[in-house]
Amino acid sequence: GERVEHHSCGDGVLTMIAMPMRDTETMRLT
């Protein structure tokens, strides 16, 4: 259920993983 996004960052890659917060549409970055 966690959301994963990959982005270029500096010379490499940044992976951001977040989980949905209960009862909201907000994602909490983990």
Full PDB file with SEQRES, HELIX, SHEET, SSBOND, CRYST1, ORIGX, SCALE, CONECT and MASTER records, all heavy atoms in Angstrom:
SEQRES   1 A   30  GLY GLU ARG VAL GLU HIS HIS SER CYS GLY ASP GLY VAL          
SEQRES   2 A   30  LEU THR MET ILE ALA MET PRO MET ARG ASP THR GLU THR          
SEQRES   3 A   30  MET ARG LEU THR                                              
SHEET    1 AA1 3 ARG A   3  CYS A   9  0                                        
SHEET    2 AA1 3 GLY A  12  PRO A  20 -1                                        
SHEET    3 AA1 3 MET A  27  LEU A  29 -1                                        
CRYST1    1.000    1.000    1.000  90.00  90.00  90.00 P 1           1          
ORIGX1      1.000000  0.000000  0.000000        0.00000                         
ORIGX2      0.000000  1.000000  0.000000        0.00000                         
ORIGX3      0.000000  0.000000  1.000000        0.00000                         
SCALE1      1.000000  0.000000  0.000000        0.00000                         
SCALE2      0.000000  1.000000  0.000000        0.00000                         
SCALE3      0.000000  0.000000  1.000000        0.00000                         
ATOM      1  N   GLY A   1       0.782  -1.224   0.000  1.00  0.00           N  
ATOM      2  CA  GLY A   1       0.000   0.000   0.000  1.00  0.00           C  
ATOM      3  C   GLY A   1       0.816   1.278   0.000  1.00  0.00           C  
ATOM      4  O   GLY A   1       0.256   2.370  -0.044  1.00  0.00           O  
ATOM      5  N   GLU A   2       2.132   1.170   0.075  1.00  0.00           N  
ATOM      6  CA  GLU A   2       2.959   2.376   0.062  1.00  0.00           C  
ATOM      7  C   GLU A   2       3.196   2.842  -1.371  1.00  0.00           C  
ATOM      8  O   GLU A   2       3.232   2.050  -2.306  1.00  0.00           O  
ATOM      9  CB  GLU A   2       4.289   2.129   0.767  1.00  0.00           C  
ATOM     10  CG  GLU A   2       4.124   1.970   2.262  1.00  0.00           C  
ATOM     11  CD  GLU A   2       5.436   1.882   2.994  1.00  0.00           C  
ATOM     12  OE1 GLU A   2       6.339   1.148   2.535  1.00  0.00           O  
ATOM     13  OE2 GLU A   2       5.559   2.539   4.027  1.00  0.00           O  
ATOM     14  N   ARG A   3       3.348   4.126  -1.514  1.00  0.00           N  
ATOM     15  CA  ARG A   3       3.578   4.743  -2.825  1.00  0.00           C  
ATOM     16  C   ARG A   3       5.072   4.987  -2.997  1.00  0.00           C  
ATOM     17  O   ARG A   3       5.739   5.455  -2.078  1.00  0.00           O  
ATOM     18  CB  ARG A   3       2.819   6.061  -2.898  1.00  0.00           C  
ATOM     19  CG  ARG A   3       2.942   6.752  -4.214  1.00  0.00           C  
ATOM     20  CD  ARG A   3       2.008   7.931  -4.266  1.00  0.00           C  
ATOM     21  NE  ARG A   3       2.346   8.786  -5.375  1.00  0.00           N  
ATOM     22  CZ  ARG A   3       1.805   9.957  -5.586  1.00  0.00           C  
ATOM     23  NH1 ARG A   3       0.888  10.415  -4.757  1.00  0.00           N  
ATOM     24  NH2 ARG A   3       2.160  10.684  -6.616  1.00  0.00           N  
ATOM     25  N   VAL A   4       5.572   4.666  -4.178  1.00  0.00           N  
ATOM     26  CA  VAL A   4       7.001   4.808  -4.471  1.00  0.00           C  
ATOM     27  C   VAL A   4       7.173   5.722  -5.679  1.00  0.00           C  
ATOM     28  O   VAL A   4       6.513   5.547  -6.698  1.00  0.00           O  
ATOM     29  CB  VAL A   4       7.637   3.424  -4.778  1.00  0.00           C  
ATOM     30  CG1 VAL A   4       9.118   3.577  -5.082  1.00  0.00           C  
ATOM     31  CG2 VAL A   4       7.419   2.462  -3.624  1.00  0.00           C  
ATOM     32  N   GLU A   5       8.063   6.711  -5.538  1.00  0.00           N  
ATOM     33  CA  GLU A   5       8.412   7.599  -6.643  1.00  0.00           C  
ATOM     34  C   GLU A   5       9.930   7.656  -6.751  1.00  0.00           C  
ATOM     35  O   GLU A   5      10.625   7.675  -5.735  1.00  0.00           O  
ATOM     36  CB  GLU A   5       7.887   9.016  -6.414  1.00  0.00           C  
ATOM     37  CG  GLU A   5       6.394   9.155  -6.519  1.00  0.00           C  
ATOM     38  CD  GLU A   5       5.937  10.598  -6.448  1.00  0.00           C  
ATOM     39  OE1 GLU A   5       6.786  11.521  -6.439  1.00  0.00           O  
ATOM     40  OE2 GLU A   5       4.712  10.811  -6.401  1.00  0.00           O  
ATOM     41  N   HIS A   6      10.416   7.693  -7.985  1.00  0.00           N  
ATOM     42  CA  HIS A   6      11.854   7.790  -8.246  1.00  0.00           C  
ATOM     43  C   HIS A   6      12.109   9.085  -9.010  1.00  0.00           C  
ATOM     44  O   HIS A   6      11.387   9.403  -9.950  1.00  0.00           O  
ATOM     45  CB  HIS A   6      12.335   6.603  -9.083  1.00  0.00           C  
ATOM     46  CG  HIS A   6      11.976   5.277  -8.495  1.00  0.00           C  
ATOM     47  ND1 HIS A   6      12.718   4.689  -7.491  1.00  0.00           N  
ATOM     48  CD2 HIS A   6      10.954   4.432  -8.754  1.00  0.00           C  
ATOM     49  CE1 HIS A   6      12.166   3.530  -7.170  1.00  0.00           C  
ATOM     50  NE2 HIS A   6      11.092   3.356  -7.919  1.00  0.00           N  
ATOM     51  N   HIS A   7      13.146   9.818  -8.588  1.00  0.00           N  
ATOM     52  CA  HIS A   7      13.480  11.097  -9.220  1.00  0.00           C  
ATOM     53  C   HIS A   7      14.990  11.206  -9.374  1.00  0.00           C  
ATOM     54  O   HIS A   7      15.738  10.672  -8.547  1.00  0.00           O  
ATOM     55  CB  HIS A   7      12.997  12.268  -8.370  1.00  0.00           C  
ATOM     56  CG  HIS A   7      11.528  12.252  -8.100  1.00  0.00           C  
ATOM     57  ND1 HIS A   7      10.609  12.686  -9.015  1.00  0.00           N  
ATOM     58  CD2 HIS A   7      10.820  11.828  -7.023  1.00  0.00           C  
ATOM     59  CE1 HIS A   7       9.387  12.552  -8.518  1.00  0.00           C  
ATOM     60  NE2 HIS A   7       9.488  12.020  -7.312  1.00  0.00           N  
ATOM     61  N   SER A   8      15.421  11.934 -10.378  1.00  0.00           N  
ATOM     62  CA  SER A   8      16.837  12.246 -10.490  1.00  0.00           C  
ATOM     63  C   SER A   8      17.203  13.198  -9.361  1.00  0.00           C  
ATOM     64  O   SER A   8      16.413  14.076  -9.004  1.00  0.00           O  
ATOM     65  CB  SER A   8      17.139  12.906 -11.837  1.00  0.00           C  
ATOM     66  OG  SER A   8      16.937  11.989 -12.880  1.00  0.00           O  
ATOM     67  N   CYS A   9      18.390  12.992  -8.815  1.00  0.00           N  
ATOM     68  CA  CYS A   9      18.856  13.848  -7.727  1.00  0.00           C  
ATOM     69  C   CYS A   9      20.377  13.892  -7.796  1.00  0.00           C  
ATOM     70  O   CYS A   9      21.028  12.848  -7.686  1.00  0.00           O  
ATOM     71  CB  CYS A   9      18.395  13.297  -6.382  1.00  0.00           C  
ATOM     72  SG  CYS A   9      18.882  14.306  -4.974  1.00  0.00           S  
ATOM     73  N   GLY A  10      20.928  15.063  -7.977  1.00  0.00           N  
ATOM     74  CA  GLY A  10      22.380  15.173  -8.089  1.00  0.00           C  
ATOM     75  C   GLY A  10      22.888  14.284  -9.204  1.00  0.00           C  
ATOM     76  O   GLY A  10      22.396  14.325 -10.321  1.00  0.00           O  
ATOM     77  N   ASP A  11      23.856  13.425  -8.861  1.00  0.00           N  
ATOM     78  CA  ASP A  11      24.429  12.507  -9.847  1.00  0.00           C  
ATOM     79  C   ASP A  11      23.702  11.171  -9.897  1.00  0.00           C  
ATOM     80  O   ASP A  11      24.110  10.277 -10.635  1.00  0.00           O  
ATOM     81  CB  ASP A  11      25.904  12.231  -9.507  1.00  0.00           C  
ATOM     82  CG  ASP A  11      26.749  13.487  -9.576  1.00  0.00           C  
ATOM     83  OD1 ASP A  11      26.424  14.383 -10.372  1.00  0.00           O  
ATOM     84  OD2 ASP A  11      27.738  13.579  -8.812  1.00  0.00           O  
ATOM     85  N   GLY A  12      22.645  11.012  -9.111  1.00  0.00           N  
ATOM     86  CA  GLY A  12      22.003   9.713  -9.019  1.00  0.00           C  
ATOM     87  C   GLY A  12      20.496   9.758  -8.984  1.00  0.00           C  
ATOM     88  O   GLY A  12      19.868  10.539  -9.694  1.00  0.00           O  
ATOM     89  N   VAL A  13      19.927   8.926  -8.112  1.00  0.00           N  
ATOM     90  CA  VAL A  13      18.488   8.717  -8.042  1.00  0.00           C  
ATOM     91  C   VAL A  13      18.021   8.858  -6.589  1.00  0.00           C  
ATOM     92  O   VAL A  13      18.680   8.370  -5.677  1.00  0.00           O  
ATOM     93  CB  VAL A  13      18.120   7.299  -8.540  1.00  0.00           C  
ATOM     94  CG1 VAL A  13      16.625   7.048  -8.442  1.00  0.00           C  
ATOM     95  CG2 VAL A  13      18.608   7.074  -9.953  1.00  0.00           C  
ATOM     96  N   LEU A  14      16.892   9.505  -6.413  1.00  0.00           N  
ATOM     97  CA  LEU A  14      16.231   9.576  -5.113  1.00  0.00           C  
ATOM     98  C   LEU A  14      14.943   8.772  -5.206  1.00  0.00           C  
ATOM     99  O   LEU A  14      14.133   8.989  -6.102  1.00  0.00           O  
ATOM    100  CB  LEU A  14      15.896  11.026  -4.748  1.00  0.00           C  
ATOM    101  CG  LEU A  14      14.884  11.211  -3.608  1.00  0.00           C  
ATOM    102  CD1 LEU A  14      15.417  10.626  -2.304  1.00  0.00           C  
ATOM    103  CD2 LEU A  14      14.545  12.681  -3.454  1.00  0.00           C  
ATOM    104  N   THR A  15      14.766   7.847  -4.283  1.00  0.00           N  
ATOM    105  CA  THR A  15      13.514   7.100  -4.178  1.00  0.00           C  
ATOM    106  C   THR A  15      12.791   7.604  -2.939  1.00  0.00           C  
ATOM    107  O   THR A  15      13.365   7.628  -1.851  1.00  0.00           O  
ATOM    108  CB  THR A  15      13.776   5.588  -4.056  1.00  0.00           C  
ATOM    109  OG1 THR A  15      14.507   5.157  -5.204  1.00  0.00           O  
ATOM    110  CG2 THR A  15      12.468   4.810  -3.959  1.00  0.00           C  
ATOM    111  N   MET A  16      11.542   8.025  -3.133  1.00  0.00           N  
ATOM    112  CA  MET A  16      10.712   8.498  -2.031  1.00  0.00           C  
ATOM    113  C   MET A  16       9.606   7.479  -1.820  1.00  0.00           C  
ATOM    114  O   MET A  16       8.917   7.100  -2.765  1.00  0.00           O  
ATOM    115  CB  MET A  16      10.118   9.863  -2.372  1.00  0.00           C  
ATOM    116  CG  MET A  16      11.180  10.911  -2.584  1.00  0.00           C  
ATOM    117  SD  MET A  16      10.670  12.577  -3.123  1.00  0.00           S  
ATOM    118  CE  MET A  16       8.940  12.624  -3.086  1.00  0.00           C  
ATOM    119  N   ILE A  17       9.445   7.039  -0.576  1.00  0.00           N  
ATOM    120  CA  ILE A  17       8.401   6.065  -0.242  1.00  0.00           C  
ATOM    121  C   ILE A  17       7.501   6.693   0.814  1.00  0.00           C  
ATOM    122  O   ILE A  17       7.986   7.271   1.789  1.00  0.00           O  
ATOM    123  CB  ILE A  17       9.008   4.751   0.273  1.00  0.00           C  
ATOM    124  CG1 ILE A  17       9.941   4.148  -0.795  1.00  0.00           C  
ATOM    125  CG2 ILE A  17       7.909   3.770   0.660  1.00  0.00           C  
ATOM    126  CD1 ILE A  17      10.694   2.924  -0.358  1.00  0.00           C  
ATOM    127  N   ALA A  18       6.203   6.590   0.584  1.00  0.00           N  
ATOM    128  CA  ALA A  18       5.244   7.175   1.515  1.00  0.00           C  
ATOM    129  C   ALA A  18       4.077   6.228   1.725  1.00  0.00           C  
ATOM    130  O   ALA A  18       3.735   5.432   0.857  1.00  0.00           O  
ATOM    131  CB  ALA A  18       4.744   8.504   0.980  1.00  0.00           C  
ATOM    132  N   MET A  19       3.471   6.341   2.899  1.00  0.00           N  
ATOM    133  CA  MET A  19       2.298   5.532   3.202  1.00  0.00           C  
ATOM    134  C   MET A  19       1.099   6.447   3.411  1.00  0.00           C  
ATOM    135  O   MET A  19       1.250   7.556   3.903  1.00  0.00           O  
ATOM    136  CB  MET A  19       2.537   4.657   4.431  1.00  0.00           C  
ATOM    137  CG  MET A  19       2.699   5.424   5.713  1.00  0.00           C  
ATOM    138  SD  MET A  19       3.109   4.389   7.144  1.00  0.00           S  
ATOM    139  CE  MET A  19       1.915   3.110   7.023  1.00  0.00           C  
ATOM    140  N   PRO A  20      -0.078   5.977   3.010  1.00  0.00           N  
ATOM    141  CA  PRO A  20      -1.269   6.801   3.214  1.00  0.00           C  
ATOM    142  C   PRO A  20      -1.581   6.924   4.706  1.00  0.00           C  
ATOM    143  O   PRO A  20      -1.435   5.967   5.454  1.00  0.00           O  
ATOM    144  CB  PRO A  20      -2.376   6.027   2.497  1.00  0.00           C  
ATOM    145  CG  PRO A  20      -1.816   4.715   2.123  1.00  0.00           C  
ATOM    146  CD  PRO A  20      -0.354   4.721   2.367  1.00  0.00           C  
ATOM    147  N   MET A  21      -1.971   8.116   5.093  1.00  0.00           N  
ATOM    148  CA  MET A  21      -2.378   8.323   6.478  1.00  0.00           C  
ATOM    149  C   MET A  21      -3.860   8.005   6.588  1.00  0.00           C  
ATOM    150  O   MET A  21      -4.646   8.349   5.713  1.00  0.00           O  
ATOM    151  CB  MET A  21      -2.085   9.758   6.907  1.00  0.00           C  
ATOM    152  CG  MET A  21      -0.589  10.043   6.929  1.00  0.00           C  
ATOM    153  SD  MET A  21      -0.198  11.693   7.478  1.00  0.00           S  
ATOM    154  CE  MET A  21      -0.632  11.588   9.192  1.00  0.00           C  
ATOM    155  N   ARG A  22      -4.219   7.360   7.661  1.00  0.00           N  
ATOM    156  CA  ARG A  22      -5.592   6.918   7.869  1.00  0.00           C  
ATOM    157  C   ARG A  22      -6.574   8.090   7.823  1.00  0.00           C  
ATOM    158  O   ARG A  22      -6.332   9.140   8.386  1.00  0.00           O  
ATOM    159  CB  ARG A  22      -5.679   6.228   9.221  1.00  0.00           C  
ATOM    160  CG  ARG A  22      -6.917   5.419   9.412  1.00  0.00           C  
ATOM    161  CD  ARG A  22      -6.899   4.683  10.696  1.00  0.00           C  
ATOM    162  NE  ARG A  22      -5.528   4.469  11.152  1.00  0.00           N  
ATOM    163  CZ  ARG A  22      -5.182   3.806  12.209  1.00  0.00           C  
ATOM    164  NH1 ARG A  22      -6.074   3.275  12.962  1.00  0.00           N  
ATOM    165  NH2 ARG A  22      -3.925   3.653  12.552  1.00  0.00           N  
ATOM    166  N   ASP A  23      -7.678   7.880   7.157  1.00  0.00           N  
ATOM    167  CA  ASP A  23      -8.789   8.831   7.089  1.00  0.00           C  
ATOM    168  C   ASP A  23      -8.449  10.160   6.429  1.00  0.00           C  
ATOM    169  O   ASP A  23      -9.141  11.142   6.643  1.00  0.00           O  
ATOM    170  CB  ASP A  23      -9.381   9.092   8.484  1.00  0.00           C  
ATOM    171  CG  ASP A  23      -9.881   7.814   9.142  1.00  0.00           C  
ATOM    172  OD1 ASP A  23     -10.353   6.923   8.408  1.00  0.00           O  
ATOM    173  OD2 ASP A  23      -9.788   7.708  10.366  1.00  0.00           O  
ATOM    174  N   THR A  24      -7.352  10.221   5.670  1.00  0.00           N  
ATOM    175  CA  THR A  24      -7.023  11.438   4.919  1.00  0.00           C  
ATOM    176  C   THR A  24      -6.461  11.025   3.565  1.00  0.00           C  
ATOM    177  O   THR A  24      -6.192   9.858   3.325  1.00  0.00           O  
ATOM    178  CB  THR A  24      -5.957  12.300   5.634  1.00  0.00           C  
ATOM    179  OG1 THR A  24      -4.699  11.619   5.586  1.00  0.00           O  
ATOM    180  CG2 THR A  24      -6.328  12.584   7.076  1.00  0.00           C  
ATOM    181  N   GLU A  25      -6.296  12.001   2.713  1.00  0.00           N  
ATOM    182  CA  GLU A  25      -5.662  11.740   1.414  1.00  0.00           C  
ATOM    183  C   GLU A  25      -4.173  12.048   1.465  1.00  0.00           C  
ATOM    184  O   GLU A  25      -3.480  11.929   0.470  1.00  0.00           O  
ATOM    185  CB  GLU A  25      -6.343  12.577   0.333  1.00  0.00           C  
ATOM    186  CG  GLU A  25      -7.768  12.143   0.073  1.00  0.00           C  
ATOM    187  CD  GLU A  25      -8.414  12.912  -1.065  1.00  0.00           C  
ATOM    188  OE1 GLU A  25      -7.683  13.453  -1.905  1.00  0.00           O  
ATOM    189  OE2 GLU A  25      -9.640  12.959  -1.094  1.00  0.00           O  
ATOM    190  N   THR A  26      -3.686  12.426   2.621  1.00  0.00           N  
ATOM    191  CA  THR A  26      -2.284  12.783   2.787  1.00  0.00           C  
ATOM    192  C   THR A  26      -1.418  11.536   2.856  1.00  0.00           C  
ATOM    193  O   THR A  26      -1.822  10.513   3.384  1.00  0.00           O  
ATOM    194  CB  THR A  26      -2.098  13.600   4.086  1.00  0.00           C  
ATOM    195  OG1 THR A  26      -2.961  14.724   4.038  1.00  0.00           O  
ATOM    196  CG2 THR A  26      -0.673  14.069   4.249  1.00  0.00           C  
ATOM    197  N   MET A  27      -0.222  11.653   2.327  1.00  0.00           N  
ATOM    198  CA  MET A  27       0.759  10.579   2.385  1.00  0.00           C  
ATOM    199  C   MET A  27       1.850  10.998   3.373  1.00  0.00           C  
ATOM    200  O   MET A  27       2.294  12.139   3.372  1.00  0.00           O  
ATOM    201  CB  MET A  27       1.382  10.349   1.009  1.00  0.00           C  
ATOM    202  CG  MET A  27       0.403  10.032  -0.101  1.00  0.00           C  
ATOM    203  SD  MET A  27      -0.336   8.423   0.049  1.00  0.00           S  
ATOM    204  CE  MET A  27       0.988   7.402  -0.529  1.00  0.00           C  
ATOM    205  N   ARG A  28       2.280  10.059   4.232  1.00  0.00           N  
ATOM    206  CA  ARG A  28       3.376  10.325   5.163  1.00  0.00           C  
ATOM    207  C   ARG A  28       4.656   9.725   4.606  1.00  0.00           C  
ATOM    208  O   ARG A  28       4.747   8.526   4.361  1.00  0.00           O  
ATOM    209  CB  ARG A  28       3.091   9.739   6.543  1.00  0.00           C  
ATOM    210  CG  ARG A  28       4.210  10.084   7.550  1.00  0.00           C  
ATOM    211  CD  ARG A  28       3.922   9.596   8.945  1.00  0.00           C  
ATOM    212  NE  ARG A  28       3.967   8.162   9.085  1.00  0.00           N  
ATOM    213  CZ  ARG A  28       5.090   7.448   9.231  1.00  0.00           C  
ATOM    214  NH1 ARG A  28       6.261   8.036   9.221  1.00  0.00           N  
ATOM    215  NH2 ARG A  28       5.043   6.144   9.369  1.00  0.00           N  
ATOM    216  N   LEU A  29       5.634  10.573   4.397  1.00  0.00           N  
ATOM    217  CA  LEU A  29       6.927  10.151   3.874  1.00  0.00           C  
ATOM    218  C   LEU A  29       7.625   9.256   4.884  1.00  0.00           C  
ATOM    219  O   LEU A  29       7.795   9.626   6.040  1.00  0.00           O  
ATOM    220  CB  LEU A  29       7.778  11.388   3.570  1.00  0.00           C  
ATOM    221  CG  LEU A  29       9.095  11.201   2.869  1.00  0.00           C  
ATOM    222  CD1 LEU A  29       8.894  10.558   1.508  1.00  0.00           C  
ATOM    223  CD2 LEU A  29       9.786  12.538   2.705  1.00  0.00           C  
ATOM    224  N   THR A  30       7.996   8.038   4.462  1.00  0.00           N  
ATOM    225  CA  THR A  30       8.642   7.094   5.374  1.00  0.00           C  
ATOM    226  C   THR A  30      10.123   6.884   5.063  1.00  0.00           C  
ATOM    227  O   THR A  30      10.900   6.606   5.963  1.00  0.00           O  
ATOM    228  CB  THR A  30       7.937   5.729   5.366  1.00  0.00           C  
ATOM    229  OG1 THR A  30       7.985   5.184   4.043  1.00  0.00           O  
ATOM    230  CG2 THR A  30       6.496   5.854   5.820  1.00  0.00           C  
TER     231      THR A  30                                                      
MASTER        0    0    0    0    3    0    0    6  230    1    0    3          
END                                                                             
